[in-house]
Amino acid sequence: MPSLSEETGGRIDHLEPGAVIGIVGGGQLGRMMALSARYHGFRIGVLDPTPDCPVDQVADFQIVADYDDQDAIRQLAERSDVLTYEFENVDADALDKVRDQVAIPQGTDLLRTTQDRVHEKTFINKHGAATARWRQVDGMDDLEKALDELGYPAVLKTRTGGYDGHGQVVLRSQEDLDQVVERTRRDEADGQGFPPSILEGFVDFACEASILVTGNGDRYVAFPLVRNDHRHNILHMTLAPAGVGHEVEEEARQLALRLAEGFELAGTLAIELFLMQDGSLVVNELAPRPHNSGHYTIEACSMDQFDAHIRGIAGWPLDQPRLLSPAVMVNVLGQHVKPVLKELTAHPEWNLHDYGKAEVRTNRKMGHLTVLTDDPQATARDLEATGCWDDLR
């Protein structure tokens, strides 16, 4: 059995090998968490509605049920020593109801903050980090007032839910606003109200970036700042390191550590950023878990993001991760599987990770590959030149 610390809200003081880590969510992030946990000597359970999900293929048991099924979550809690989650759209209330049965080192305050964009932006600003200018929007009157203050262009996002561009609309003109008005009228006629939302001013950034930070409740460590390239609102490629100056790297690291301390973080947190034209950093959003842009760490760092996450929630000590080699990570979506497999035999430098998903679908993340390199920019060009990702140009 693990020992718990009441002073840290039921967090783990130290989880011993042989204990069971229950994962809510059975996708690729959970799979890589589970593989790391295996190396640390832990047993794995998973809750996911899809039989033979990616985590189940490497776990000790699966409970097949929806994520908000209270009975299923209680079953997972009863069979686990610790619960963690691989995505943020988890029912925090359902987790709170089993905290008398199982440790949840990440807690639910982190979930609730990152599930609601108003709470998230407020937290980020409170801890000394910049965001895009934003306004809370609860109806059309609020939206029109917010547009008067922020101006065009702006991005209207639902407060909760949404990922990879879902749940948001770019407003560039009165014509775009008129479409939102018309859609709102149709929704109201169907008995739906205006969804609680947030309006963000447009950010004129030089590039997108991200940084990972991990904590065990007492110590916090940050990974290198990396540069990201999104295509059609889905992460396409990550270059590590970001290739910016030391001052920007240090600003990102300090920003990450402040946010981690604010959460009393246990586990890994991803911070998505905009690098502005003047070299300053603006936080876009947070993800309370390992992140797609951190997959390069598996090959390129002294400790990868999944090892760090498992050590963090298990109450194990954390060493400062080191970048052992520059690297490029690129996602393999459904439409890229065949061309990538065809090219694979000609590229011994490609480290391919397959997520074990049964159904191949366009724009679905089926895997990723990482290349260790002395020149990330040149390697990125070489990867594009294979033609495997031509559909994203």
Protein backbone atom coordinates (compact mmCIF):
# COMPACT_ATOMS: atom_id res chain seq x y z
CA MET A 1 0.00 0.00 0.00
CA PRO A 2 1.17 3.56 -0.63
CA SER A 3 1.64 6.00 2.21
CA LEU A 4 -0.47 9.17 1.97
CA SER A 5 0.25 12.65 3.22
CA GLU A 6 -2.77 14.51 4.63
CA GLU A 7 -0.83 17.76 4.35
CA THR A 8 -0.75 17.37 0.58
CA GLY A 9 -4.43 16.53 0.17
CA GLY A 10 -4.00 12.75 -0.05
CA ARG A 11 -1.01 12.80 -2.41
CA ILE A 12 1.39 9.91 -2.46
CA ASP A 13 4.47 10.14 -0.26
CA HIS A 14 5.97 7.17 -2.04
CA LEU A 15 4.28 4.52 -4.20
CA GLU A 16 6.12 1.22 -4.21
CA PRO A 17 6.55 -1.07 -7.23
CA GLY A 18 3.71 -3.56 -7.49
CA ALA A 19 1.06 -0.94 -6.70
CA VAL A 20 -1.73 -0.32 -9.22
CA ILE A 21 -2.06 2.89 -11.21
CA GLY A 22 -5.55 3.37 -12.68
CA ILE A 23 -5.75 5.48 -15.83
CA VAL A 24 -8.95 7.22 -16.89
CA GLY A 25 -8.75 7.22 -20.68
CA GLY A 26 -7.33 4.54 -22.94
CA GLY A 27 -5.72 6.47 -25.81
CA GLN A 28 -2.13 6.98 -26.85
CA LEU A 29 -1.12 9.22 -23.95
CA GLY A 30 -2.43 6.66 -21.48
CA ARG A 31 -0.63 3.90 -23.39
CA MET A 32 2.70 5.68 -23.07
CA MET A 33 2.00 6.42 -19.39
CA ALA A 34 1.31 2.71 -18.90
CA LEU A 35 4.49 1.63 -20.66
CA SER A 36 6.50 3.95 -18.43
CA ALA A 37 4.69 2.70 -15.34
CA ARG A 38 5.56 -0.86 -16.37
CA TYR A 39 9.25 0.01 -16.40
CA HIS A 40 8.85 1.41 -12.90
CA GLY A 41 7.31 -1.85 -11.71
CA PHE A 42 3.67 -0.77 -11.40
CA ARG A 43 0.50 -2.61 -12.41
CA ILE A 44 -1.99 -0.85 -14.70
CA GLY A 45 -5.77 -0.62 -14.91
CA VAL A 46 -7.71 1.48 -17.39
CA LEU A 47 -11.24 2.84 -17.82
CA ASP A 48 -12.26 3.34 -21.44
CA PRO A 49 -15.45 2.67 -23.45
CA THR A 50 -13.57 0.95 -26.32
CA PRO A 51 -12.60 -2.71 -25.79
CA ASP A 52 -8.93 -3.45 -26.56
CA CYS A 53 -8.10 0.25 -26.45
CA PRO A 54 -4.42 1.24 -26.79
CA VAL A 55 -3.88 1.17 -23.01
CA ASP A 56 -5.60 -2.18 -22.57
CA GLN A 57 -3.02 -3.75 -24.88
CA VAL A 58 -0.33 -3.08 -22.25
CA ALA A 59 -2.45 -3.05 -19.05
CA ASP A 60 -3.40 -5.66 -16.44
CA PHE A 61 -7.13 -5.00 -16.73
CA GLN A 62 -9.68 -2.78 -18.44
CA ILE A 63 -13.07 -1.60 -17.24
CA VAL A 64 -15.16 -1.00 -20.36
CA ALA A 65 -17.45 1.94 -19.62
CA ASP A 66 -17.96 5.61 -20.33
CA TYR A 67 -15.66 8.07 -18.58
CA ASP A 68 -18.50 9.59 -16.55
CA ASP A 69 -19.88 6.22 -15.37
CA GLN A 70 -19.72 6.65 -11.59
CA ASP A 71 -19.97 2.92 -10.87
CA ALA A 72 -17.13 2.21 -13.30
CA ILE A 73 -14.93 4.92 -11.79
CA ARG A 74 -15.61 3.45 -8.36
CA GLN A 75 -14.63 0.00 -9.63
CA LEU A 76 -11.37 1.42 -10.99
CA ALA A 77 -10.75 3.21 -7.69
CA GLU A 78 -11.36 0.04 -5.68
CA ARG A 79 -8.77 -1.85 -7.75
CA SER A 80 -6.16 0.93 -7.83
CA ASP A 81 -3.79 2.65 -5.43
CA VAL A 82 -3.56 5.83 -7.51
CA LEU A 83 -5.73 7.36 -10.25
CA THR A 84 -4.48 9.56 -13.08
CA TYR A 85 -6.01 10.76 -16.34
CA GLU A 86 -4.79 11.12 -19.91
CA PHE A 87 -7.09 13.92 -21.06
CA GLU A 88 -8.73 16.92 -19.42
CA ASN A 89 -12.41 16.26 -20.20
CA VAL A 90 -12.78 13.98 -17.19
CA ASP A 91 -15.71 14.37 -14.79
CA ALA A 92 -14.04 16.06 -11.81
CA ASP A 93 -17.13 15.53 -9.63
CA ALA A 94 -16.98 11.79 -10.31
CA LEU A 95 -13.33 11.71 -9.27
CA ASP A 96 -14.06 13.66 -6.10
CA LYS A 97 -16.57 11.00 -5.07
CA VAL A 98 -13.85 8.32 -4.94
CA ARG A 99 -11.15 10.31 -3.18
CA ASP A 100 -11.97 8.46 0.04
CA GLN A 101 -10.97 5.23 -1.71
CA VAL A 102 -7.94 6.09 -3.78
CA ALA A 103 -5.22 8.73 -4.05
CA ILE A 104 -5.57 11.23 -6.91
CA PRO A 105 -2.23 13.04 -6.75
CA GLN A 106 -3.08 15.55 -9.49
CA GLY A 107 -6.22 16.50 -7.60
CA THR A 108 -9.32 17.92 -9.25
CA ASP A 109 -8.62 21.65 -8.87
CA LEU A 110 -6.13 21.32 -11.73
CA LEU A 111 -8.82 19.65 -13.84
CA ARG A 112 -11.45 22.25 -13.07
CA THR A 113 -9.09 25.11 -13.86
CA THR A 114 -7.97 23.72 -17.21
CA GLN A 115 -11.48 22.59 -18.21
CA ASP A 116 -12.81 26.16 -18.14
CA ARG A 117 -11.08 28.79 -20.26
CA VAL A 118 -12.17 31.65 -18.01
CA HIS A 119 -10.75 29.94 -14.93
CA GLU A 120 -7.63 28.99 -16.88
CA LYS A 121 -6.93 32.51 -18.17
CA THR A 122 -7.58 33.96 -14.71
CA PHE A 123 -5.13 31.52 -13.11
CA ILE A 124 -2.44 32.19 -15.70
CA ASN A 125 -2.75 35.98 -15.36
CA LYS A 126 -2.82 35.75 -11.56
CA HIS A 127 0.52 33.93 -11.64
CA GLY A 128 2.27 36.59 -13.66
CA ALA A 129 2.00 35.19 -17.17
CA ALA A 130 0.54 36.98 -20.17
CA THR A 131 -2.32 35.70 -22.30
CA ALA A 132 -4.15 37.11 -25.28
CA ARG A 133 -6.57 39.85 -24.26
CA TRP A 134 -9.84 38.14 -23.40
CA ARG A 135 -13.37 38.75 -22.23
CA GLN A 136 -15.98 36.43 -20.74
CA VAL A 137 -18.98 36.11 -23.07
CA ASP A 138 -22.33 34.78 -21.87
CA GLY A 139 -24.61 36.07 -24.62
CA MET A 140 -24.82 38.17 -27.76
CA ASP A 141 -24.79 41.44 -25.83
CA ASP A 142 -21.54 40.38 -24.14
CA LEU A 143 -20.09 39.33 -27.48
CA GLU A 144 -20.83 42.65 -29.17
CA LYS A 145 -19.39 44.58 -26.20
CA ALA A 146 -16.28 42.37 -26.17
CA LEU A 147 -15.76 42.93 -29.90
CA ASP A 148 -16.02 46.68 -29.36
CA GLU A 149 -13.22 46.40 -26.78
CA LEU A 150 -10.96 43.84 -28.47
CA GLY A 151 -11.75 44.54 -32.13
CA TYR A 152 -11.43 42.29 -35.17
CA PRO A 153 -10.00 39.77 -35.70
CA ALA A 154 -10.88 37.76 -32.60
CA VAL A 155 -11.54 34.14 -31.68
CA LEU A 156 -14.78 33.03 -30.03
CA LYS A 157 -14.29 29.83 -28.00
CA THR A 158 -16.61 27.82 -25.81
CA ARG A 159 -15.54 27.95 -22.16
CA THR A 160 -15.46 24.17 -21.89
CA GLY A 161 -14.75 21.32 -24.28
CA GLY A 162 -13.17 21.61 -27.69
CA TYR A 163 -9.75 20.56 -28.93
CA ASP A 164 -7.76 20.70 -32.18
CA GLY A 165 -9.79 23.72 -33.27
CA HIS A 166 -13.22 22.37 -32.31
CA GLY A 167 -15.54 24.69 -30.39
CA GLN A 168 -14.09 27.92 -31.77
CA VAL A 169 -14.88 30.44 -34.48
CA VAL A 170 -12.61 33.11 -35.93
CA LEU A 171 -14.38 36.46 -36.29
CA ARG A 172 -12.74 38.68 -38.89
CA SER A 173 -15.62 40.96 -39.85
CA GLN A 174 -19.23 41.96 -39.25
CA GLU A 175 -20.19 39.23 -41.73
CA ASP A 176 -18.68 36.58 -39.44
CA LEU A 177 -20.52 38.07 -36.48
CA ASP A 178 -23.79 37.99 -38.44
CA GLN A 179 -23.29 34.25 -39.00
CA VAL A 180 -22.88 33.74 -35.23
CA VAL A 181 -26.07 35.76 -34.64
CA GLU A 182 -27.98 33.62 -37.14
CA ARG A 183 -26.66 30.39 -35.66
CA THR A 184 -27.60 31.58 -32.16
CA ARG A 185 -31.15 32.32 -33.30
CA ARG A 186 -31.46 28.80 -34.73
CA ASP A 187 -30.09 27.29 -31.53
CA GLU A 188 -32.52 29.29 -29.41
CA ALA A 189 -35.40 28.17 -31.62
CA ASP A 190 -34.31 24.59 -30.91
CA GLY A 191 -34.28 25.26 -27.18
CA GLN A 192 -30.52 25.74 -26.85
CA GLY A 193 -29.04 28.77 -25.18
CA PHE A 194 -25.90 30.69 -26.02
CA PRO A 195 -22.99 28.52 -24.83
CA PRO A 196 -20.81 30.10 -22.12
CA SER A 197 -17.83 31.38 -24.08
CA ILE A 198 -14.72 33.49 -24.12
CA LEU A 199 -13.56 35.99 -26.74
CA GLU A 200 -9.82 36.29 -27.31
CA GLY A 201 -8.07 39.01 -29.22
CA PHE A 202 -5.96 37.81 -32.14
CA VAL A 203 -2.27 37.28 -31.38
CA ASP A 204 0.33 38.27 -33.98
CA PHE A 205 2.95 35.69 -33.05
CA ALA A 206 6.25 34.73 -34.62
CA CYS A 207 5.87 31.03 -33.87
CA GLU A 208 4.09 28.55 -31.62
CA ALA A 209 5.97 26.86 -28.80
CA SER A 210 5.41 24.75 -25.71
CA ILE A 211 7.12 23.70 -22.53
CA LEU A 212 6.48 20.80 -20.15
CA VAL A 213 6.82 20.99 -16.39
CA THR A 214 6.54 18.14 -13.90
CA GLY A 215 6.14 18.12 -10.14
CA ASN A 216 5.87 15.66 -7.28
CA GLY A 217 4.20 18.15 -4.96
CA ASP A 218 7.52 19.41 -3.58
CA ARG A 219 9.96 19.75 -6.49
CA TYR A 220 9.29 21.03 -9.99
CA VAL A 221 11.40 20.51 -13.11
CA ALA A 222 10.97 21.87 -16.63
CA PHE A 223 11.80 20.36 -20.01
CA PRO A 224 13.30 22.41 -22.88
CA LEU A 225 11.21 24.95 -24.76
CA VAL A 226 10.24 23.53 -28.17
CA ARG A 227 8.87 24.98 -31.41
CA ASN A 228 5.59 23.65 -32.85
CA ASP A 229 4.02 23.69 -36.28
CA HIS A 230 0.25 23.18 -36.46
CA ARG A 231 -1.58 22.28 -39.66
CA HIS A 232 -5.39 22.51 -39.81
CA ASN A 233 -5.47 23.04 -36.01
CA ILE A 234 -3.64 19.74 -35.35
CA LEU A 235 -0.03 19.58 -34.19
CA HIS A 236 2.07 18.49 -37.14
CA MET A 237 5.70 18.79 -36.07
CA THR A 238 7.81 19.70 -33.05
CA LEU A 239 11.42 20.88 -33.19
CA ALA A 240 13.55 20.53 -30.07
CA PRO A 241 15.03 22.79 -28.92
CA ALA A 242 13.03 25.82 -30.03
CA GLY A 243 16.13 27.61 -31.31
CA VAL A 244 15.51 30.85 -29.45
CA GLY A 245 17.84 32.86 -27.25
CA HIS A 246 18.79 31.97 -23.68
CA GLU A 247 16.68 34.80 -22.26
CA VAL A 248 13.50 33.47 -23.89
CA GLU A 249 14.33 29.92 -22.75
CA GLU A 250 14.79 31.12 -19.18
CA GLU A 251 11.59 33.20 -19.28
CA ALA A 252 9.65 30.11 -20.40
CA ARG A 253 11.24 27.98 -17.68
CA GLN A 254 10.44 30.47 -14.93
CA LEU A 255 6.89 30.87 -16.24
CA ALA A 256 6.43 27.08 -16.18
CA LEU A 257 7.78 26.77 -12.65
CA ARG A 258 5.48 29.55 -11.37
CA LEU A 259 2.42 27.83 -12.79
CA ALA A 260 3.53 24.45 -11.40
CA GLU A 261 4.01 25.93 -7.95
CA GLY A 262 0.62 27.61 -8.18
CA PHE A 263 -1.01 24.24 -8.78
CA GLU A 264 1.26 22.41 -6.29
CA LEU A 265 1.67 20.19 -9.31
CA ALA A 266 1.93 16.41 -9.19
CA GLY A 267 2.52 14.88 -12.62
CA THR A 268 3.17 16.59 -15.94
CA LEU A 269 1.61 19.83 -17.19
CA ALA A 270 1.96 21.13 -20.76
CA ILE A 271 1.98 24.87 -21.45
CA GLU A 272 1.23 25.96 -25.01
CA LEU A 273 2.76 29.32 -25.88
CA PHE A 274 3.01 31.97 -28.54
CA LEU A 275 6.45 33.49 -29.11
CA MET A 276 5.79 37.08 -30.06
CA GLN A 277 7.66 39.18 -32.62
CA ASP A 278 9.43 41.06 -29.80
CA GLY A 279 10.58 37.83 -28.13
CA SER A 280 8.01 37.88 -25.31
CA LEU A 281 5.85 34.85 -24.46
CA VAL A 282 2.07 34.61 -24.31
CA VAL A 283 0.36 31.55 -22.84
CA ASN A 284 -2.27 30.04 -25.12
CA GLU A 285 -3.58 27.17 -23.00
CA LEU A 286 -2.69 24.48 -20.48
CA ALA A 287 -3.01 20.70 -20.63
CA PRO A 288 -2.93 18.89 -17.24
CA ARG A 289 -1.14 15.82 -18.59
CA PRO A 290 1.64 14.74 -20.94
CA HIS A 291 1.32 16.34 -24.35
CA ASN A 292 1.74 15.57 -28.03
CA SER A 293 4.53 18.14 -28.32
CA GLY A 294 6.50 16.26 -25.65
CA HIS A 295 6.79 12.95 -27.48
CA TYR A 296 10.32 13.85 -28.63
CA THR A 297 11.45 13.39 -24.99
CA ILE A 298 11.20 9.59 -25.30
CA GLU A 299 14.32 9.42 -27.45
CA ALA A 300 15.87 12.84 -26.90
CA CYS A 301 15.89 13.45 -23.13
CA SER A 302 17.45 11.93 -20.04
CA MET A 303 13.93 11.48 -18.64
CA ASP A 304 10.88 11.49 -20.88
CA GLN A 305 7.60 13.22 -20.10
CA PHE A 306 5.84 9.94 -19.25
CA ASP A 307 8.55 8.78 -16.85
CA ALA A 308 8.37 12.22 -15.25
CA HIS A 309 4.59 12.00 -14.96
CA ILE A 310 4.67 8.57 -13.34
CA ARG A 311 7.44 9.58 -10.95
CA GLY A 312 5.51 12.74 -10.09
CA ILE A 313 2.22 11.05 -9.22
CA ALA A 314 4.07 8.24 -7.40
CA GLY A 315 5.87 10.70 -5.14
CA TRP A 316 9.29 9.66 -6.45
CA PRO A 317 12.20 12.15 -6.65
CA LEU A 318 12.60 14.16 -9.85
CA ASP A 319 15.90 14.97 -11.52
CA GLN A 320 16.21 17.89 -13.92
CA PRO A 321 15.68 16.44 -17.43
CA ARG A 322 18.45 17.10 -19.95
CA LEU A 323 18.17 17.30 -23.73
CA LEU A 324 20.63 14.65 -24.93
CA SER A 325 20.14 15.39 -28.63
CA PRO A 326 18.21 17.86 -30.75
CA ALA A 327 15.22 16.15 -32.34
CA VAL A 328 12.23 16.48 -34.64
CA MET A 329 8.89 14.81 -33.89
CA VAL A 330 6.17 14.52 -36.53
CA ASN A 331 2.65 13.14 -36.13
CA VAL A 332 1.43 10.24 -38.24
CA LEU A 333 -2.27 10.78 -38.97
CA GLY A 334 -4.52 8.20 -40.55
CA GLN A 335 -3.83 9.34 -44.11
CA HIS A 336 -0.07 9.17 -43.46
CA VAL A 337 0.14 5.56 -42.27
CA LYS A 338 0.60 3.94 -45.69
CA PRO A 339 3.16 6.41 -47.07
CA VAL A 340 5.13 6.38 -43.81
CA LEU A 341 5.26 2.58 -43.69
CA LYS A 342 6.32 2.54 -47.33
CA GLU A 343 9.20 4.95 -46.57
CA LEU A 344 10.18 3.38 -43.25
CA THR A 345 12.63 0.80 -44.60
CA ALA A 346 14.69 3.57 -46.23
CA HIS A 347 15.04 5.57 -43.00
CA PRO A 348 16.85 3.81 -40.15
CA GLU A 349 16.95 7.16 -38.33
CA TRP A 350 13.14 7.17 -37.94
CA ASN A 351 11.93 6.08 -34.49
CA LEU A 352 8.31 5.10 -35.17
CA HIS A 353 5.70 4.77 -32.42
CA ASP A 354 2.43 3.04 -33.33
CA TYR A 355 -0.49 3.70 -30.97
CA GLY A 356 -2.28 0.40 -31.56
CA LYS A 357 -5.57 1.93 -32.70
CA ALA A 358 -7.83 -0.50 -34.52
CA GLU A 359 -9.45 1.96 -36.93
CA VAL A 360 -7.42 4.15 -39.27
CA ARG A 361 -9.18 7.44 -39.97
CA THR A 362 -8.22 10.64 -41.75
CA ASN A 363 -6.77 13.22 -39.32
CA ARG A 364 -6.78 10.69 -36.47
CA LYS A 365 -3.46 10.43 -34.63
CA MET A 366 -2.25 6.90 -35.32
CA GLY A 367 1.35 7.33 -34.22
CA HIS A 368 4.38 9.58 -34.39
CA LEU A 369 8.02 9.37 -35.33
CA THR A 370 11.06 11.08 -33.90
CA VAL A 371 14.42 11.75 -35.54
CA LEU A 372 17.53 12.61 -33.53
CA THR A 373 19.58 15.17 -35.42
CA ASP A 374 22.25 17.84 -35.24
CA ASP A 375 20.15 20.17 -37.42
CA PRO A 376 16.39 20.14 -36.67
CA GLN A 377 15.55 22.63 -39.42
CA ALA A 378 17.30 20.53 -42.09
CA THR A 379 15.71 17.34 -40.74
CA ALA A 380 12.28 18.96 -40.85
CA ARG A 381 12.85 19.79 -44.52
CA ASP A 382 14.03 16.21 -45.19
CA LEU A 383 10.89 14.79 -43.60
CA GLU A 384 8.64 17.05 -45.67
CA ALA A 385 10.57 16.11 -48.82
CA THR A 386 9.52 12.46 -48.47
CA GLY A 387 6.00 13.48 -49.53
CA CYS A 388 4.37 11.55 -46.69
CA TRP A 389 2.73 14.73 -45.35
CA ASP A 390 1.97 16.50 -48.65
CA ASP A 391 -1.76 16.67 -47.85
CA LEU A 392 -1.03 19.10 -45.00
CA ARG A 393 0.73 21.71 -47.12
